[in-house]
Amino acid sequence: MVKLDILHKIVGPGLVAVIRASSAEQAARIADACVEGGIQALEVTFTVPNATTAIAELSKRYASAQVAVGAGTVLDPETARAAILAGAQFVVSPGSDAATARLCRRYQVPYLPGAATATEIIRALEDGADIVKVFPGEVLGPGFVKAVRGPLPHAPLMPTGGVSVETAGQWIRAGCVALGVGCELTKVSGDDYGAISTRARQLLAAIRTAREA
């Protein structure tokens, strides 16, 4: 997929599943459940053991399904390059790093760095961010997005943290182009991975409803 196609997988449905797991095997099961629920963008964080292996395996698995597999918690260009070589199609960071942004531009891979202030959002855009991750979302809240979009209406924002089925509509109405959802989506109780698929459908429905409104 070319860069615009990857961004469409994120912005079109409006949902990125943030996958943190205790093993690459569990990450794969969570990913399968997310895709079953209709999600087209999967972020495998580098807190997952053997994350590059998980990214490589999922990239191959979903190549024909048109699901974008990305890497999260990327702190430097070395990690970004390892992820891209493993098959990552987008890169997400908790903060903005100019060298990582430069590397992603070189390979035409979407870069989604984190920001928590208007100044950080501007700097991320100057670095070349395709979408700016509002982080930590549970601290900043939808009101932050609404306020920032006053002076920065052109900034494409996506929160991670503080997003749930109940709050998804608030974030979208505040002006977010997509939502990143971690444990509120991917938490597993026992072996009930089907619950993840159910929550994925509920989140996607909440996003559609908010956009239509």
N, C-alpha and C. Protein backbone atom coordinates (compact mmCIF):
# COMPACT_ATOMS: atom_id res chain seq x y z
N MET A 1 0.83 -1.19 0.00
CA MET A 1 0.00 0.00 0.00
C MET A 1 0.87 1.25 0.00
N VAL A 2 0.48 2.24 -0.79
CA VAL A 2 1.18 3.50 -0.79
C VAL A 2 0.74 4.32 0.42
N LYS A 3 1.45 5.42 0.67
CA LYS A 3 1.21 6.21 1.87
C LYS A 3 -0.24 6.66 2.01
N LEU A 4 -0.83 7.15 0.93
CA LEU A 4 -2.21 7.62 1.00
C LEU A 4 -3.17 6.49 1.34
N ASP A 5 -2.90 5.31 0.84
CA ASP A 5 -3.75 4.15 1.15
C ASP A 5 -3.68 3.81 2.64
N ILE A 6 -2.47 3.89 3.18
CA ILE A 6 -2.30 3.58 4.61
C ILE A 6 -3.04 4.60 5.47
N LEU A 7 -2.90 5.86 5.13
CA LEU A 7 -3.61 6.90 5.88
C LEU A 7 -5.12 6.71 5.78
N HIS A 8 -5.58 6.24 4.64
CA HIS A 8 -7.02 5.99 4.48
C HIS A 8 -7.48 4.87 5.40
N LYS A 9 -6.64 3.87 5.63
CA LYS A 9 -7.00 2.78 6.54
C LYS A 9 -7.14 3.29 7.97
N ILE A 10 -6.45 4.39 8.27
CA ILE A 10 -6.53 4.97 9.60
C ILE A 10 -7.70 5.94 9.70
N VAL A 11 -7.77 6.89 8.76
CA VAL A 11 -8.74 7.97 8.84
C VAL A 11 -10.12 7.54 8.34
N GLY A 12 -10.16 6.62 7.38
CA GLY A 12 -11.45 6.18 6.85
C GLY A 12 -12.36 5.62 7.93
N PRO A 13 -12.01 4.47 8.51
CA PRO A 13 -12.81 3.94 9.62
C PRO A 13 -12.65 4.80 10.89
N GLY A 14 -11.48 5.43 11.04
CA GLY A 14 -11.26 6.32 12.17
C GLY A 14 -10.79 5.63 13.43
N LEU A 15 -10.23 4.43 13.33
CA LEU A 15 -9.87 3.69 14.53
C LEU A 15 -8.56 2.94 14.34
N VAL A 16 -7.65 3.10 15.30
CA VAL A 16 -6.40 2.36 15.34
C VAL A 16 -6.38 1.53 16.62
N ALA A 17 -6.19 0.24 16.48
CA ALA A 17 -6.09 -0.64 17.65
C ALA A 17 -4.66 -0.62 18.15
N VAL A 18 -4.46 -0.21 19.39
CA VAL A 18 -3.13 -0.16 19.99
C VAL A 18 -2.93 -1.45 20.77
N ILE A 19 -2.03 -2.28 20.27
CA ILE A 19 -1.87 -3.63 20.81
C ILE A 19 -0.66 -3.71 21.72
N ARG A 20 -0.93 -3.91 23.00
CA ARG A 20 0.11 -4.21 23.99
C ARG A 20 -0.21 -5.61 24.53
N ALA A 21 0.79 -6.47 24.55
CA ALA A 21 0.54 -7.85 24.97
C ALA A 21 1.78 -8.41 25.64
N SER A 22 1.61 -9.54 26.30
CA SER A 22 2.72 -10.17 27.02
C SER A 22 3.58 -11.03 26.12
N SER A 23 3.13 -11.27 24.89
CA SER A 23 3.91 -12.08 23.95
C SER A 23 3.46 -11.77 22.53
N ALA A 24 4.30 -12.15 21.57
CA ALA A 24 3.95 -11.96 20.16
C ALA A 24 2.74 -12.81 19.80
N GLU A 25 2.62 -13.97 20.43
CA GLU A 25 1.49 -14.86 20.15
C GLU A 25 0.19 -14.23 20.60
N GLN A 26 0.19 -13.64 21.81
CA GLN A 26 -1.02 -12.99 22.28
C GLN A 26 -1.35 -11.77 21.43
N ALA A 27 -0.33 -11.04 21.01
CA ALA A 27 -0.55 -9.89 20.14
C ALA A 27 -1.25 -10.31 18.85
N ALA A 28 -0.86 -11.46 18.31
CA ALA A 28 -1.47 -11.96 17.08
C ALA A 28 -2.94 -12.30 17.29
N ARG A 29 -3.26 -12.90 18.43
CA ARG A 29 -4.66 -13.25 18.72
C ARG A 29 -5.51 -11.99 18.90
N ILE A 30 -4.95 -10.99 19.55
CA ILE A 30 -5.66 -9.72 19.71
C ILE A 30 -5.88 -9.07 18.34
N ALA A 31 -4.84 -9.10 17.50
CA ALA A 31 -4.94 -8.52 16.17
C ALA A 31 -6.03 -9.20 15.36
N ASP A 32 -6.08 -10.52 15.41
CA ASP A 32 -7.11 -11.26 14.68
C ASP A 32 -8.51 -10.84 15.12
N ALA A 33 -8.68 -10.66 16.43
CA ALA A 33 -9.99 -10.27 16.95
C ALA A 33 -10.35 -8.86 16.50
N CYS A 34 -9.37 -7.98 16.46
CA CYS A 34 -9.61 -6.61 16.00
C CYS A 34 -10.04 -6.59 14.53
N VAL A 35 -9.34 -7.34 13.71
CA VAL A 35 -9.67 -7.40 12.29
C VAL A 35 -11.05 -8.01 12.09
N GLU A 36 -11.38 -9.02 12.88
CA GLU A 36 -12.71 -9.63 12.82
C GLU A 36 -13.79 -8.60 13.13
N GLY A 37 -13.45 -7.65 13.99
CA GLY A 37 -14.40 -6.60 14.34
C GLY A 37 -14.45 -5.45 13.36
N GLY A 38 -13.64 -5.48 12.31
CA GLY A 38 -13.70 -4.47 11.26
C GLY A 38 -12.61 -3.43 11.27
N ILE A 39 -11.64 -3.56 12.16
CA ILE A 39 -10.55 -2.58 12.24
C ILE A 39 -9.55 -2.81 11.11
N GLN A 40 -9.09 -1.72 10.50
CA GLN A 40 -8.17 -1.81 9.37
C GLN A 40 -6.77 -1.29 9.67
N ALA A 41 -6.53 -0.84 10.91
CA ALA A 41 -5.21 -0.33 11.29
C ALA A 41 -4.82 -0.87 12.65
N LEU A 42 -3.70 -1.57 12.70
CA LEU A 42 -3.22 -2.21 13.92
C LEU A 42 -1.86 -1.64 14.30
N GLU A 43 -1.74 -1.13 15.52
CA GLU A 43 -0.46 -0.61 16.02
C GLU A 43 0.12 -1.59 17.04
N VAL A 44 1.20 -2.26 16.67
CA VAL A 44 1.88 -3.18 17.58
C VAL A 44 2.98 -2.41 18.29
N THR A 45 2.87 -2.24 19.59
CA THR A 45 3.83 -1.43 20.31
C THR A 45 5.13 -2.18 20.57
N PHE A 46 6.20 -1.42 20.71
CA PHE A 46 7.49 -2.03 20.98
C PHE A 46 7.67 -2.42 22.45
N THR A 47 6.58 -2.34 23.22
CA THR A 47 6.59 -2.93 24.56
C THR A 47 6.23 -4.42 24.49
N VAL A 48 5.76 -4.88 23.33
CA VAL A 48 5.47 -6.30 23.13
C VAL A 48 6.79 -7.05 22.93
N PRO A 49 7.04 -8.12 23.69
CA PRO A 49 8.26 -8.90 23.46
C PRO A 49 8.34 -9.38 22.01
N ASN A 50 9.52 -9.28 21.42
CA ASN A 50 9.72 -9.68 20.02
C ASN A 50 8.74 -8.94 19.09
N ALA A 51 8.63 -7.64 19.31
CA ALA A 51 7.68 -6.84 18.54
C ALA A 51 7.94 -6.90 17.04
N THR A 52 9.22 -6.89 16.64
CA THR A 52 9.51 -6.93 15.21
C THR A 52 9.01 -8.23 14.58
N THR A 53 9.11 -9.33 15.33
CA THR A 53 8.60 -10.61 14.83
C THR A 53 7.09 -10.55 14.66
N ALA A 54 6.42 -9.98 15.66
CA ALA A 54 4.96 -9.85 15.59
C ALA A 54 4.55 -8.98 14.41
N ILE A 55 5.26 -7.87 14.19
CA ILE A 55 4.95 -6.98 13.08
C ILE A 55 5.15 -7.70 11.75
N ALA A 56 6.25 -8.43 11.64
CA ALA A 56 6.54 -9.15 10.39
C ALA A 56 5.47 -10.20 10.09
N GLU A 57 5.08 -10.95 11.11
CA GLU A 57 4.09 -12.01 10.91
C GLU A 57 2.72 -11.44 10.56
N LEU A 58 2.33 -10.37 11.26
CA LEU A 58 1.02 -9.78 10.99
C LEU A 58 0.99 -9.09 9.63
N SER A 59 2.09 -8.47 9.24
CA SER A 59 2.16 -7.82 7.93
C SER A 59 1.95 -8.83 6.81
N LYS A 60 2.54 -10.00 6.95
CA LYS A 60 2.37 -11.05 5.96
C LYS A 60 0.95 -11.60 5.99
N ARG A 61 0.43 -11.80 7.19
CA ARG A 61 -0.90 -12.39 7.35
C ARG A 61 -1.98 -11.52 6.72
N TYR A 62 -1.84 -10.20 6.86
CA TYR A 62 -2.91 -9.31 6.41
C TYR A 62 -2.59 -8.61 5.10
N ALA A 63 -1.57 -9.04 4.41
CA ALA A 63 -1.18 -8.38 3.16
C ALA A 63 -2.33 -8.37 2.16
N SER A 64 -3.05 -9.47 2.05
CA SER A 64 -4.15 -9.56 1.09
C SER A 64 -5.46 -9.02 1.65
N ALA A 65 -5.50 -8.78 2.97
CA ALA A 65 -6.73 -8.30 3.60
C ALA A 65 -6.79 -6.78 3.64
N GLN A 66 -5.74 -6.11 3.14
CA GLN A 66 -5.72 -4.65 3.11
C GLN A 66 -5.85 -4.05 4.51
N VAL A 67 -5.16 -4.67 5.47
CA VAL A 67 -5.08 -4.15 6.83
C VAL A 67 -3.69 -3.57 7.04
N ALA A 68 -3.61 -2.34 7.52
CA ALA A 68 -2.32 -1.69 7.75
C ALA A 68 -1.79 -2.06 9.13
N VAL A 69 -0.57 -2.57 9.17
CA VAL A 69 0.08 -2.94 10.43
C VAL A 69 1.19 -1.93 10.70
N GLY A 70 1.13 -1.28 11.85
CA GLY A 70 2.12 -0.28 12.20
C GLY A 70 2.87 -0.61 13.47
N ALA A 71 3.82 0.23 13.80
CA ALA A 71 4.64 0.05 15.01
C ALA A 71 4.40 1.21 15.95
N GLY A 72 4.26 0.91 17.24
CA GLY A 72 4.04 1.95 18.23
C GLY A 72 5.15 1.99 19.26
N THR A 73 5.15 3.04 20.07
CA THR A 73 6.18 3.27 21.09
C THR A 73 7.57 3.28 20.44
N VAL A 74 7.66 3.94 19.29
CA VAL A 74 8.93 4.06 18.57
C VAL A 74 9.62 5.34 19.03
N LEU A 75 10.78 5.20 19.64
CA LEU A 75 11.44 6.34 20.27
C LEU A 75 12.59 6.93 19.46
N ASP A 76 13.04 6.23 18.42
CA ASP A 76 14.21 6.69 17.69
C ASP A 76 14.20 6.14 16.27
N PRO A 77 15.04 6.70 15.38
CA PRO A 77 15.04 6.25 13.98
C PRO A 77 15.53 4.82 13.81
N GLU A 78 16.40 4.36 14.71
CA GLU A 78 16.89 2.98 14.61
C GLU A 78 15.73 2.00 14.77
N THR A 79 14.88 2.25 15.76
CA THR A 79 13.72 1.39 15.98
C THR A 79 12.73 1.52 14.83
N ALA A 80 12.56 2.73 14.33
CA ALA A 80 11.65 2.94 13.21
C ALA A 80 12.11 2.15 11.99
N ARG A 81 13.40 2.19 11.70
CA ARG A 81 13.90 1.47 10.53
C ARG A 81 13.73 -0.04 10.70
N ALA A 82 14.01 -0.54 11.90
CA ALA A 82 13.83 -1.98 12.16
C ALA A 82 12.37 -2.36 11.95
N ALA A 83 11.46 -1.50 12.41
CA ALA A 83 10.03 -1.78 12.26
C ALA A 83 9.63 -1.77 10.79
N ILE A 84 10.12 -0.78 10.05
CA ILE A 84 9.77 -0.66 8.64
C ILE A 84 10.31 -1.86 7.85
N LEU A 85 11.53 -2.28 8.16
CA LEU A 85 12.10 -3.44 7.48
C LEU A 85 11.32 -4.71 7.80
N ALA A 86 10.70 -4.73 8.99
CA ALA A 86 9.89 -5.89 9.38
C ALA A 86 8.50 -5.86 8.73
N GLY A 87 8.15 -4.72 8.14
CA GLY A 87 6.87 -4.62 7.45
C GLY A 87 5.92 -3.57 7.98
N ALA A 88 6.34 -2.80 8.99
CA ALA A 88 5.46 -1.77 9.55
C ALA A 88 5.12 -0.74 8.48
N GLN A 89 3.84 -0.39 8.39
CA GLN A 89 3.38 0.54 7.35
C GLN A 89 3.08 1.93 7.90
N PHE A 90 3.12 2.09 9.21
CA PHE A 90 3.07 3.42 9.83
C PHE A 90 3.79 3.34 11.17
N VAL A 91 4.24 4.50 11.65
CA VAL A 91 5.06 4.56 12.86
C VAL A 91 4.43 5.55 13.83
N VAL A 92 4.28 5.12 15.08
CA VAL A 92 3.66 5.95 16.12
C VAL A 92 4.65 6.13 17.26
N SER A 93 4.74 7.37 17.77
CA SER A 93 5.67 7.68 18.86
C SER A 93 4.92 8.41 19.97
N PRO A 94 5.39 8.28 21.22
CA PRO A 94 4.78 9.05 22.31
C PRO A 94 5.12 10.53 22.25
N GLY A 95 6.20 10.88 21.54
CA GLY A 95 6.61 12.26 21.35
C GLY A 95 7.16 12.42 19.96
N SER A 96 7.46 13.66 19.57
CA SER A 96 7.97 13.90 18.22
C SER A 96 9.50 13.90 18.22
N ASP A 97 10.07 13.23 17.24
CA ASP A 97 11.53 13.17 17.09
C ASP A 97 11.86 13.48 15.64
N ALA A 98 12.62 14.53 15.41
CA ALA A 98 12.89 14.99 14.05
C ALA A 98 13.60 13.95 13.21
N ALA A 99 14.53 13.21 13.81
CA ALA A 99 15.28 12.19 13.06
C ALA A 99 14.36 11.03 12.65
N THR A 100 13.46 10.66 13.53
CA THR A 100 12.50 9.60 13.19
C THR A 100 11.56 10.06 12.10
N ALA A 101 11.12 11.31 12.20
CA ALA A 101 10.24 11.88 11.17
C ALA A 101 10.94 11.89 9.82
N ARG A 102 12.22 12.25 9.81
CA ARG A 102 12.99 12.30 8.57
C ARG A 102 13.10 10.92 7.93
N LEU A 103 13.36 9.92 8.76
CA LEU A 103 13.48 8.56 8.24
C LEU A 103 12.15 8.08 7.66
N CYS A 104 11.05 8.37 8.34
CA CYS A 104 9.75 7.96 7.84
C CYS A 104 9.42 8.64 6.52
N ARG A 105 9.79 9.91 6.39
CA ARG A 105 9.57 10.62 5.12
C ARG A 105 10.40 9.99 4.01
N ARG A 106 11.61 9.58 4.35
CA ARG A 106 12.50 8.96 3.36
C ARG A 106 11.85 7.73 2.75
N TYR A 107 11.18 6.93 3.59
CA TYR A 107 10.56 5.69 3.12
C TYR A 107 9.07 5.85 2.83
N GLN A 108 8.56 7.09 2.94
CA GLN A 108 7.15 7.38 2.68
C GLN A 108 6.23 6.52 3.55
N VAL A 109 6.57 6.50 4.84
CA VAL A 109 5.78 5.80 5.84
C VAL A 109 5.13 6.84 6.75
N PRO A 110 3.82 6.81 6.93
CA PRO A 110 3.16 7.79 7.80
C PRO A 110 3.75 7.80 9.21
N TYR A 111 3.94 9.01 9.73
CA TYR A 111 4.51 9.19 11.07
C TYR A 111 3.48 9.88 11.95
N LEU A 112 3.19 9.28 13.11
CA LEU A 112 2.18 9.78 14.04
C LEU A 112 2.82 10.01 15.40
N PRO A 113 3.46 11.16 15.62
CA PRO A 113 4.11 11.44 16.89
C PRO A 113 3.13 12.01 17.91
N GLY A 114 3.47 11.86 19.18
CA GLY A 114 2.63 12.36 20.25
C GLY A 114 2.92 13.80 20.60
N ALA A 115 1.89 14.50 21.11
CA ALA A 115 2.03 15.88 21.55
C ALA A 115 1.00 16.16 22.63
N ALA A 116 1.37 17.05 23.57
CA ALA A 116 0.48 17.34 24.69
C ALA A 116 0.22 18.84 24.86
N THR A 117 0.79 19.66 23.97
CA THR A 117 0.57 21.10 24.03
C THR A 117 0.47 21.63 22.60
N ALA A 118 -0.03 22.87 22.48
CA ALA A 118 -0.10 23.48 21.15
C ALA A 118 1.28 23.62 20.54
N THR A 119 2.27 23.98 21.35
CA THR A 119 3.64 24.11 20.86
C THR A 119 4.16 22.79 20.32
N GLU A 120 3.89 21.70 21.03
CA GLU A 120 4.35 20.38 20.59
C GLU A 120 3.64 19.94 19.32
N ILE A 121 2.37 20.29 19.19
CA ILE A 121 1.64 19.96 17.95
C ILE A 121 2.26 20.70 16.77
N ILE A 122 2.54 21.98 16.94
CA ILE A 122 3.16 22.76 15.86
C ILE A 122 4.52 22.17 15.49
N ARG A 123 5.31 21.82 16.50
CA ARG A 123 6.63 21.25 16.23
C ARG A 123 6.51 19.92 15.51
N ALA A 124 5.54 19.10 15.90
CA ALA A 124 5.34 17.81 15.23
C ALA A 124 4.97 18.01 13.77
N LEU A 125 4.11 18.99 13.50
CA LEU A 125 3.73 19.27 12.11
C LEU A 125 4.93 19.77 11.31
N GLU A 126 5.76 20.60 11.94
CA GLU A 126 6.97 21.09 11.26
C GLU A 126 7.94 19.95 10.98
N ASP A 127 7.97 18.95 11.87
CA ASP A 127 8.84 17.79 11.66
C ASP A 127 8.34 16.92 10.52
N GLY A 128 7.05 17.07 10.17
CA GLY A 128 6.50 16.29 9.07
C GLY A 128 5.48 15.26 9.49
N ALA A 129 4.87 15.44 10.65
CA ALA A 129 3.86 14.48 11.11
C ALA A 129 2.69 14.43 10.14
N ASP A 130 2.20 13.23 9.88
CA ASP A 130 1.01 13.06 9.04
C ASP A 130 -0.26 13.20 9.87
N ILE A 131 -0.22 12.66 11.08
CA ILE A 131 -1.28 12.81 12.07
C ILE A 131 -0.57 13.00 13.41
N VAL A 132 -1.08 13.90 14.25
CA VAL A 132 -0.48 14.12 15.56
C VAL A 132 -1.29 13.38 16.61
N LYS A 133 -0.61 12.54 17.37
CA LYS A 133 -1.25 11.77 18.43
C LYS A 133 -1.39 12.64 19.68
N VAL A 134 -2.62 12.88 20.12
CA VAL A 134 -2.86 13.62 21.36
C VAL A 134 -2.62 12.65 22.51
N PHE A 135 -1.55 12.91 23.27
CA PHE A 135 -1.14 11.94 24.30
C PHE A 135 -0.55 12.67 25.50
N PRO A 136 -0.96 12.29 26.72
CA PRO A 136 -1.91 11.23 27.06
C PRO A 136 -3.36 11.73 27.01
N GLY A 137 -4.17 11.05 26.24
CA GLY A 137 -5.54 11.48 26.03
C GLY A 137 -6.38 11.49 27.29
N GLU A 138 -6.13 10.55 28.20
CA GLU A 138 -6.93 10.50 29.42
C GLU A 138 -6.69 11.70 30.32
N VAL A 139 -5.55 12.36 30.16
CA VAL A 139 -5.25 13.57 30.93
C VAL A 139 -5.77 14.81 30.21
N LEU A 140 -5.62 14.87 28.90
CA LEU A 140 -5.95 16.07 28.13
C LEU A 140 -7.45 16.20 27.85
N GLY A 141 -8.08 15.11 27.42
CA GLY A 141 -9.51 15.11 27.20
C GLY A 141 -9.95 15.78 25.90
N PRO A 142 -11.21 15.53 25.47
CA PRO A 142 -11.74 16.12 24.24
C PRO A 142 -11.73 17.64 24.24
N GLY A 143 -11.86 18.25 25.42
CA GLY A 143 -11.85 19.71 25.50
C GLY A 143 -10.56 20.30 25.01
N PHE A 144 -9.45 19.61 25.23
CA PHE A 144 -8.15 20.07 24.75
C PHE A 144 -8.16 20.13 23.22
N VAL A 145 -8.68 19.09 22.59
CA VAL A 145 -8.72 19.04 21.13
C VAL A 145 -9.57 20.19 20.59
N LYS A 146 -10.73 20.39 21.18
CA LYS A 146 -11.62 21.46 20.73
C LYS A 146 -10.95 22.82 20.84
N ALA A 147 -10.23 23.02 21.96
CA ALA A 147 -9.56 24.31 22.17
C ALA A 147 -8.40 24.52 21.19
N VAL A 148 -7.62 23.48 20.97
CA VAL A 148 -6.44 23.58 20.10
C VAL A 148 -6.85 23.78 18.64
N ARG A 149 -7.97 23.20 18.25
CA ARG A 149 -8.40 23.34 16.86
C ARG A 149 -8.90 24.73 16.54
N GLY A 150 -9.07 25.59 17.56
CA GLY A 150 -9.38 26.98 17.29
C GLY A 150 -8.25 27.65 16.52
N PRO A 151 -7.03 27.68 17.09
CA PRO A 151 -5.90 28.29 16.38
C PRO A 151 -5.24 27.35 15.36
N LEU A 152 -5.50 26.05 15.50
CA LEU A 152 -4.85 25.06 14.61
C LEU A 152 -5.90 24.18 13.94
N PRO A 153 -6.81 24.74 13.15
CA PRO A 153 -7.88 23.93 12.55
C PRO A 153 -7.36 22.94 11.52
N HIS A 154 -6.14 23.16 11.04
CA HIS A 154 -5.57 22.29 10.01
C HIS A 154 -4.87 21.07 10.60
N ALA A 155 -4.71 21.01 11.92
CA ALA A 155 -3.96 19.93 12.55
C ALA A 155 -4.78 18.65 12.61
N PRO A 156 -4.31 17.56 11.98
CA PRO A 156 -5.02 16.29 12.07
C PRO A 156 -4.65 15.60 13.39
N LEU A 157 -5.62 15.45 14.27
CA LEU A 157 -5.34 14.96 15.62
C LEU A 157 -6.00 13.61 15.89
N MET A 158 -5.29 12.78 16.64
CA MET A 158 -5.79 11.45 17.02
C MET A 158 -5.40 11.17 18.46
N PRO A 159 -6.36 11.06 19.38
CA PRO A 159 -5.99 10.79 20.77
C PRO A 159 -5.67 9.32 20.99
N THR A 160 -4.80 9.06 21.93
CA THR A 160 -4.57 7.72 22.45
C THR A 160 -4.63 7.83 23.97
N GLY A 161 -5.46 6.99 24.57
CA GLY A 161 -5.71 7.08 26.00
C GLY A 161 -6.99 7.84 26.25
N GLY A 162 -7.81 7.33 27.16
CA GLY A 162 -9.06 8.00 27.48
C GLY A 162 -10.13 7.84 26.43
N VAL A 163 -9.95 6.87 25.52
CA VAL A 163 -10.94 6.64 24.47
C VAL A 163 -11.65 5.31 24.76
N SER A 164 -12.95 5.35 24.76
CA SER A 164 -13.77 4.17 24.99
C SER A 164 -15.02 4.26 24.13
N VAL A 165 -15.86 3.25 24.19
CA VAL A 165 -17.13 3.29 23.45
C VAL A 165 -17.94 4.49 23.90
N GLU A 166 -17.89 4.78 25.19
CA GLU A 166 -18.68 5.87 25.75
C GLU A 166 -18.15 7.25 25.36
N THR A 167 -16.84 7.39 25.20
CA THR A 167 -16.24 8.71 24.93
C THR A 167 -15.87 8.93 23.47
N ALA A 168 -15.96 7.89 22.64
CA ALA A 168 -15.52 8.00 21.24
C ALA A 168 -16.20 9.16 20.52
N GLY A 169 -17.50 9.29 20.70
CA GLY A 169 -18.24 10.36 20.02
C GLY A 169 -17.78 11.74 20.44
N GLN A 170 -17.43 11.90 21.71
CA GLN A 170 -16.95 13.20 22.19
C GLN A 170 -15.67 13.61 21.47
N TRP A 171 -14.75 12.67 21.33
CA TRP A 171 -13.48 12.96 20.65
C TRP A 171 -13.69 13.33 19.19
N ILE A 172 -14.56 12.58 18.51
CA ILE A 172 -14.82 12.85 17.10
C ILE A 172 -15.49 14.22 16.93
N ARG A 173 -16.47 14.51 17.77
CA ARG A 173 -17.15 15.80 17.67
C ARG A 173 -16.23 16.97 18.01
N ALA A 174 -15.20 16.69 18.82
CA ALA A 174 -14.23 17.74 19.15
C ALA A 174 -13.32 18.06 17.97
N GLY A 175 -13.26 17.14 16.99
CA GLY A 175 -12.47 17.41 15.78
C GLY A 175 -11.38 16.42 15.45
N CYS A 176 -11.34 15.27 16.13
CA CYS A 176 -10.31 14.27 15.84
C CYS A 176 -10.59 13.54 14.53
N VAL A 177 -9.52 13.24 13.79
CA VAL A 177 -9.68 12.54 12.51
C VAL A 177 -9.73 11.03 12.70
N ALA A 178 -9.23 10.55 13.84
CA ALA A 178 -9.23 9.12 14.15
C ALA A 178 -8.98 8.97 15.65
N LEU A 179 -9.17 7.75 16.14
CA LEU A 179 -8.98 7.47 17.55
C LEU A 179 -8.05 6.27 17.71
N GLY A 180 -7.10 6.38 18.65
CA GLY A 180 -6.25 5.25 19.00
C GLY A 180 -6.76 4.66 20.30
N VAL A 181 -7.05 3.36 20.30
CA VAL A 181 -7.64 2.73 21.48
C VAL A 181 -6.81 1.52 21.89
N GLY A 182 -6.38 1.53 23.16
CA GLY A 182 -5.58 0.43 23.69
C GLY A 182 -6.40 -0.52 24.52
N CYS A 183 -6.17 -0.50 25.84
CA CYS A 183 -6.76 -1.51 26.72
C CYS A 183 -8.29 -1.47 26.73
N GLU A 184 -8.89 -0.31 26.48
CA GLU A 184 -10.35 -0.25 26.43
C GLU A 184 -10.92 -1.09 25.29
N LEU A 185 -10.07 -1.41 24.34
CA LEU A 185 -10.47 -2.27 23.22
C LEU A 185 -9.86 -3.66 23.35
N THR A 186 -8.58 -3.72 23.67
CA THR A 186 -7.82 -4.97 23.51
C THR A 186 -7.69 -5.81 24.77
N LYS A 187 -8.22 -5.36 25.91
CA LYS A 187 -8.09 -6.16 27.13
C LYS A 187 -8.82 -7.49 26.95
N VAL A 188 -8.23 -8.53 27.51
CA VAL A 188 -8.78 -9.88 27.36
C VAL A 188 -9.11 -10.44 28.73
N SER A 189 -10.33 -10.93 28.88
CA SER A 189 -10.74 -11.60 30.11
C SER A 189 -10.76 -13.10 29.85
N GLY A 190 -9.79 -13.80 30.46
CA GLY A 190 -9.68 -15.23 30.20
C GLY A 190 -9.28 -15.48 28.77
N ASP A 191 -10.13 -16.20 28.04
CA ASP A 191 -9.84 -16.52 26.64
C ASP A 191 -10.91 -15.93 25.72
N ASP A 192 -11.58 -14.88 26.20
CA ASP A 192 -12.70 -14.30 25.46
C ASP A 192 -12.22 -13.23 24.48
N TYR A 193 -11.60 -13.66 23.42
CA TYR A 193 -11.13 -12.71 22.41
C TYR A 193 -12.29 -12.17 21.58
N GLY A 194 -13.42 -12.88 21.59
CA GLY A 194 -14.59 -12.40 20.86
C GLY A 194 -15.10 -11.07 21.39
N ALA A 195 -14.84 -10.80 22.69
CA ALA A 195 -15.27 -9.53 23.27
C ALA A 195 -14.54 -8.36 22.61
N ILE A 196 -13.30 -8.60 22.17
CA ILE A 196 -12.56 -7.54 21.48
C ILE A 196 -13.24 -7.19 20.17
N SER A 197 -13.67 -8.20 19.43
CA SER A 197 -14.37 -7.97 18.17
C SER A 197 -15.65 -7.18 18.40
N THR A 198 -16.35 -7.51 19.47
CA THR A 198 -17.59 -6.81 19.79
C THR A 198 -17.32 -5.34 20.10
N ARG A 199 -16.30 -5.08 20.93
CA ARG A 199 -15.96 -3.69 21.26
C ARG A 199 -15.49 -2.93 20.03
N ALA A 200 -14.78 -3.61 19.13
CA ALA A 200 -14.33 -2.96 17.90
C ALA A 200 -15.53 -2.49 17.09
N ARG A 201 -16.53 -3.34 16.95
CA ARG A 201 -17.74 -2.96 16.20
C ARG A 201 -18.45 -1.79 16.87
N GLN A 202 -18.51 -1.81 18.20
CA GLN A 202 -19.17 -0.73 18.93
C GLN A 202 -18.44 0.60 18.75
N LEU A 203 -17.11 0.55 18.79
CA LEU A 203 -16.33 1.78 18.60
C LEU A 203 -16.50 2.33 17.19
N LEU A 204 -16.44 1.46 16.20
CA LEU A 204 -16.60 1.90 14.82
C LEU A 204 -17.99 2.50 14.61
N ALA A 205 -18.99 1.90 15.23
CA ALA A 205 -20.35 2.42 15.11
C ALA A 205 -20.47 3.79 15.78
N ALA A 206 -19.81 3.94 16.94
CA ALA A 206 -19.85 5.23 17.65
C ALA A 206 -19.18 6.32 16.83
N ILE A 207 -18.08 5.98 16.15
CA ILE A 207 -17.37 6.94 15.30
C ILE A 207 -18.26 7.35 14.11
N ARG A 208 -18.89 6.38 13.48
CA ARG A 208 -19.77 6.68 12.33
C ARG A 208 -20.93 7.59 12.76
N THR A 209 -21.52 7.26 13.91
CA THR A 209 -22.65 8.06 14.39
C THR A 209 -22.24 9.50 14.67
N ALA A 210 -21.08 9.68 15.30
CA ALA A 210 -20.61 11.03 15.62
C ALA A 210 -20.29 11.81 14.35
N ARG A 211 -19.72 11.15 13.37
CA ARG A 211 -19.40 11.84 12.12
C ARG A 211 -20.65 12.24 11.37
N GLU A 212 -21.66 11.39 11.39
CA GLU A 212 -22.91 11.69 10.68
C GLU A 212 -23.65 12.85 11.35
N ALA A 213 -23.49 12.96 12.66
CA ALA A 213 -24.15 14.03 13.40
C ALA A 213 -23.52 15.38 13.11
